[in-house]
Amino acid sequence: MEELWIIKEFERIAELMPERAVRLIKKDPEIMMEIVISAYLDGLINLGKAAEVLGVTREELIEEFKKRGIPVRVPDRADVLSEVEVVKCL
């Protein structure tokens, strides 16, 4: 891949200036969606956190996942507790 250097440099920026890297990513909704989907599929975040990060409701995100053919995990105890914490913050 010809542009591999761009990825390597971005990784370096992310290590040195994580806040700046996150700001850059958040400016592009498509990239943010792909990152959130990847984190969700890897089990790093649950559905509630994914929705929160994207600024949508759980129901909206479930619909988006369905459109993309992304399986929605059945919530486990940790997911439910995390959801309760999100509600408490509202």
N, C-alpha and C. Protein backbone atom coordinates (compact mmCIF):
# COMPACT_ATOMS: atom_id res chain seq x y z
N MET A 1 0.84 -1.18 0.00
CA MET A 1 0.00 0.00 0.00
C MET A 1 0.89 1.25 0.00
N GLU A 2 0.65 2.07 -0.95
CA GLU A 2 1.44 3.27 -1.17
C GLU A 2 1.36 4.27 -0.02
N GLU A 3 0.19 4.40 0.61
CA GLU A 3 0.00 5.39 1.67
C GLU A 3 0.23 4.84 3.07
N LEU A 4 0.90 3.73 3.17
CA LEU A 4 1.17 3.13 4.48
C LEU A 4 1.90 4.10 5.41
N TRP A 5 2.71 4.96 4.85
CA TRP A 5 3.44 5.94 5.66
C TRP A 5 2.49 6.87 6.41
N ILE A 6 1.32 7.17 5.80
CA ILE A 6 0.34 8.04 6.45
C ILE A 6 -0.17 7.37 7.73
N ILE A 7 -0.47 6.10 7.62
CA ILE A 7 -0.96 5.34 8.79
C ILE A 7 0.10 5.30 9.87
N LYS A 8 1.33 5.03 9.48
CA LYS A 8 2.42 4.96 10.46
C LYS A 8 2.61 6.31 11.18
N GLU A 9 2.54 7.38 10.43
CA GLU A 9 2.70 8.70 11.03
C GLU A 9 1.53 9.05 11.95
N PHE A 10 0.33 8.66 11.53
CA PHE A 10 -0.82 8.92 12.39
C PHE A 10 -0.69 8.13 13.70
N GLU A 11 -0.24 6.90 13.61
CA GLU A 11 -0.02 6.11 14.82
C GLU A 11 0.98 6.80 15.75
N ARG A 12 2.01 7.39 15.16
CA ARG A 12 3.01 8.10 15.96
C ARG A 12 2.40 9.33 16.62
N ILE A 13 1.60 10.07 15.86
CA ILE A 13 0.92 11.24 16.42
C ILE A 13 -0.01 10.80 17.56
N ALA A 14 -0.72 9.69 17.35
CA ALA A 14 -1.64 9.20 18.37
C ALA A 14 -0.90 8.83 19.65
N GLU A 15 0.30 8.31 19.52
CA GLU A 15 1.09 7.97 20.71
C GLU A 15 1.59 9.22 21.42
N LEU A 16 2.04 10.20 20.64
CA LEU A 16 2.63 11.41 21.22
C LEU A 16 1.58 12.43 21.66
N MET A 17 0.49 12.51 20.88
CA MET A 17 -0.56 13.50 21.16
C MET A 17 -1.94 12.85 21.03
N PRO A 18 -2.30 11.99 21.96
CA PRO A 18 -3.56 11.25 21.81
C PRO A 18 -4.79 12.15 21.71
N GLU A 19 -4.80 13.26 22.42
CA GLU A 19 -5.97 14.15 22.37
C GLU A 19 -6.16 14.71 20.97
N ARG A 20 -5.06 15.08 20.33
CA ARG A 20 -5.14 15.62 18.96
C ARG A 20 -5.61 14.56 17.98
N ALA A 21 -5.11 13.35 18.13
CA ALA A 21 -5.52 12.26 17.24
C ALA A 21 -7.01 12.00 17.38
N VAL A 22 -7.51 11.99 18.60
CA VAL A 22 -8.94 11.76 18.84
C VAL A 22 -9.77 12.89 18.22
N ARG A 23 -9.32 14.12 18.39
CA ARG A 23 -10.04 15.26 17.79
C ARG A 23 -10.13 15.11 16.27
N LEU A 24 -9.04 14.70 15.66
CA LEU A 24 -9.03 14.51 14.21
C LEU A 24 -9.99 13.42 13.78
N ILE A 25 -10.01 12.33 14.52
CA ILE A 25 -10.91 11.21 14.20
C ILE A 25 -12.36 11.64 14.36
N LYS A 26 -12.66 12.36 15.42
CA LYS A 26 -14.05 12.76 15.68
C LYS A 26 -14.59 13.71 14.63
N LYS A 27 -13.72 14.36 13.87
CA LYS A 27 -14.16 15.26 12.81
C LYS A 27 -14.75 14.51 11.61
N ASP A 28 -14.47 13.23 11.52
CA ASP A 28 -14.96 12.43 10.39
C ASP A 28 -15.92 11.36 10.91
N PRO A 29 -17.24 11.58 10.76
CA PRO A 29 -18.22 10.63 11.30
C PRO A 29 -18.08 9.21 10.75
N GLU A 30 -17.66 9.07 9.50
CA GLU A 30 -17.51 7.72 8.93
C GLU A 30 -16.37 6.96 9.60
N ILE A 31 -15.26 7.64 9.82
CA ILE A 31 -14.13 6.99 10.50
C ILE A 31 -14.52 6.65 11.93
N MET A 32 -15.20 7.58 12.60
CA MET A 32 -15.62 7.34 13.97
C MET A 32 -16.54 6.12 14.04
N MET A 33 -17.48 6.03 13.08
CA MET A 33 -18.38 4.88 13.05
C MET A 33 -17.60 3.58 12.87
N GLU A 34 -16.64 3.57 11.97
CA GLU A 34 -15.84 2.36 11.73
C GLU A 34 -15.04 1.97 12.97
N ILE A 35 -14.50 2.94 13.66
CA ILE A 35 -13.73 2.66 14.88
C ILE A 35 -14.65 2.09 15.97
N VAL A 36 -15.82 2.69 16.12
CA VAL A 36 -16.77 2.22 17.14
C VAL A 36 -17.24 0.81 16.80
N ILE A 37 -17.54 0.56 15.54
CA ILE A 37 -17.97 -0.79 15.13
C ILE A 37 -16.87 -1.80 15.43
N SER A 38 -15.65 -1.46 15.09
CA SER A 38 -14.53 -2.36 15.34
C SER A 38 -14.38 -2.64 16.83
N ALA A 39 -14.46 -1.59 17.65
CA ALA A 39 -14.34 -1.77 19.10
C ALA A 39 -15.49 -2.61 19.64
N TYR A 40 -16.69 -2.40 19.11
CA TYR A 40 -17.85 -3.18 19.53
C TYR A 40 -17.66 -4.65 19.17
N LEU A 41 -17.25 -4.91 17.94
CA LEU A 41 -17.06 -6.29 17.50
C LEU A 41 -15.94 -6.98 18.26
N ASP A 42 -14.94 -6.21 18.67
CA ASP A 42 -13.83 -6.78 19.46
C ASP A 42 -14.19 -6.95 20.93
N GLY A 43 -15.39 -6.48 21.32
CA GLY A 43 -15.82 -6.61 22.71
C GLY A 43 -15.22 -5.57 23.64
N LEU A 44 -14.63 -4.51 23.08
CA LEU A 44 -14.02 -3.48 23.91
C LEU A 44 -15.06 -2.52 24.48
N ILE A 45 -16.17 -2.35 23.77
CA ILE A 45 -17.27 -1.50 24.26
C ILE A 45 -18.58 -2.23 24.02
N ASN A 46 -19.59 -1.87 24.81
CA ASN A 46 -20.90 -2.48 24.62
C ASN A 46 -21.76 -1.57 23.76
N LEU A 47 -22.96 -1.99 23.49
CA LEU A 47 -23.87 -1.25 22.62
C LEU A 47 -24.19 0.13 23.18
N GLY A 48 -24.41 0.22 24.48
CA GLY A 48 -24.71 1.50 25.10
C GLY A 48 -23.57 2.49 24.96
N LYS A 49 -22.35 2.04 25.19
CA LYS A 49 -21.18 2.91 25.05
C LYS A 49 -21.00 3.32 23.60
N ALA A 50 -21.19 2.38 22.69
CA ALA A 50 -21.07 2.69 21.26
C ALA A 50 -22.05 3.78 20.86
N ALA A 51 -23.29 3.64 21.31
CA ALA A 51 -24.31 4.65 21.01
C ALA A 51 -23.93 6.00 21.62
N GLU A 52 -23.46 5.97 22.85
CA GLU A 52 -23.07 7.21 23.54
C GLU A 52 -21.96 7.93 22.78
N VAL A 53 -20.94 7.19 22.39
CA VAL A 53 -19.81 7.78 21.68
C VAL A 53 -20.26 8.40 20.35
N LEU A 54 -21.19 7.74 19.69
CA LEU A 54 -21.66 8.23 18.39
C LEU A 54 -22.75 9.29 18.51
N GLY A 55 -23.28 9.47 19.71
CA GLY A 55 -24.31 10.48 19.91
C GLY A 55 -25.66 10.09 19.34
N VAL A 56 -25.95 8.77 19.40
CA VAL A 56 -27.24 8.26 18.91
C VAL A 56 -27.86 7.41 20.01
N THR A 57 -29.13 7.04 19.82
CA THR A 57 -29.77 6.16 20.78
C THR A 57 -29.37 4.71 20.49
N ARG A 58 -29.57 3.86 21.46
CA ARG A 58 -29.30 2.42 21.26
C ARG A 58 -30.12 1.89 20.10
N GLU A 59 -31.39 2.31 20.04
CA GLU A 59 -32.29 1.83 18.99
C GLU A 59 -31.78 2.26 17.61
N GLU A 60 -31.32 3.51 17.50
CA GLU A 60 -30.78 3.99 16.22
C GLU A 60 -29.55 3.19 15.82
N LEU A 61 -28.71 2.89 16.81
CA LEU A 61 -27.50 2.13 16.51
C LEU A 61 -27.82 0.69 16.13
N ILE A 62 -28.79 0.10 16.79
CA ILE A 62 -29.20 -1.26 16.44
C ILE A 62 -29.68 -1.28 14.99
N GLU A 63 -30.46 -0.29 14.59
CA GLU A 63 -30.94 -0.21 13.20
C GLU A 63 -29.77 -0.07 12.23
N GLU A 64 -28.80 0.77 12.58
CA GLU A 64 -27.62 0.95 11.73
C GLU A 64 -26.83 -0.35 11.63
N PHE A 65 -26.67 -1.05 12.75
CA PHE A 65 -25.98 -2.33 12.74
C PHE A 65 -26.71 -3.32 11.85
N LYS A 66 -28.04 -3.35 11.94
CA LYS A 66 -28.83 -4.26 11.10
C LYS A 66 -28.60 -3.97 9.62
N LYS A 67 -28.61 -2.68 9.27
CA LYS A 67 -28.37 -2.28 7.87
C LYS A 67 -27.02 -2.76 7.37
N ARG A 68 -26.04 -2.73 8.26
CA ARG A 68 -24.67 -3.11 7.90
C ARG A 68 -24.41 -4.61 8.08
N GLY A 69 -25.40 -5.34 8.59
CA GLY A 69 -25.22 -6.77 8.81
C GLY A 69 -24.33 -7.09 10.00
N ILE A 70 -24.29 -6.18 10.96
CA ILE A 70 -23.46 -6.37 12.15
C ILE A 70 -24.32 -7.01 13.25
N PRO A 71 -23.87 -8.14 13.77
CA PRO A 71 -24.67 -8.79 14.82
C PRO A 71 -24.70 -7.98 16.11
N VAL A 72 -25.87 -7.94 16.72
CA VAL A 72 -26.03 -7.24 17.99
C VAL A 72 -25.91 -8.28 19.10
N ARG A 73 -24.95 -8.05 20.01
CA ARG A 73 -24.74 -9.00 21.11
C ARG A 73 -25.86 -8.89 22.12
N VAL A 74 -26.20 -10.03 22.69
CA VAL A 74 -27.14 -10.06 23.81
C VAL A 74 -26.39 -9.51 25.01
N PRO A 75 -26.98 -8.52 25.70
CA PRO A 75 -26.25 -7.92 26.82
C PRO A 75 -25.98 -8.92 27.95
N ASP A 76 -24.77 -8.84 28.50
CA ASP A 76 -24.45 -9.65 29.67
C ASP A 76 -24.51 -8.76 30.91
N ARG A 77 -24.16 -9.31 32.04
CA ARG A 77 -24.24 -8.56 33.30
C ARG A 77 -23.43 -7.26 33.25
N ALA A 78 -22.22 -7.31 32.70
CA ALA A 78 -21.36 -6.12 32.61
C ALA A 78 -22.02 -5.06 31.73
N ASP A 79 -22.64 -5.49 30.65
CA ASP A 79 -23.34 -4.54 29.77
C ASP A 79 -24.47 -3.85 30.51
N VAL A 80 -25.24 -4.62 31.24
CA VAL A 80 -26.38 -4.07 31.97
C VAL A 80 -25.90 -3.07 33.02
N LEU A 81 -24.86 -3.42 33.76
CA LEU A 81 -24.32 -2.50 34.76
C LEU A 81 -23.79 -1.23 34.13
N SER A 82 -23.17 -1.36 32.98
CA SER A 82 -22.66 -0.19 32.26
C SER A 82 -23.81 0.71 31.82
N GLU A 83 -24.90 0.10 31.35
CA GLU A 83 -26.08 0.86 30.95
C GLU A 83 -26.66 1.62 32.14
N VAL A 84 -26.69 0.99 33.29
CA VAL A 84 -27.21 1.64 34.50
C VAL A 84 -26.35 2.86 34.82
N GLU A 85 -25.05 2.75 34.69
CA GLU A 85 -24.16 3.88 34.96
C GLU A 85 -24.42 5.04 34.00
N VAL A 86 -24.68 4.72 32.73
CA VAL A 86 -24.98 5.76 31.75
C VAL A 86 -26.26 6.48 32.13
N VAL A 87 -27.28 5.73 32.53
CA VAL A 87 -28.56 6.32 32.92
C VAL A 87 -28.38 7.20 34.16
N LYS A 88 -27.57 6.76 35.11
CA LYS A 88 -27.33 7.54 36.32
C LYS A 88 -26.74 8.90 36.00
N CYS A 89 -25.93 8.97 34.96
CA CYS A 89 -25.25 10.22 34.58
C CYS A 89 -26.19 11.20 33.90
N LEU A 90 -27.36 10.74 33.48
CA LEU A 90 -28.29 11.62 32.76
C LEU A 90 -29.03 12.53 33.66
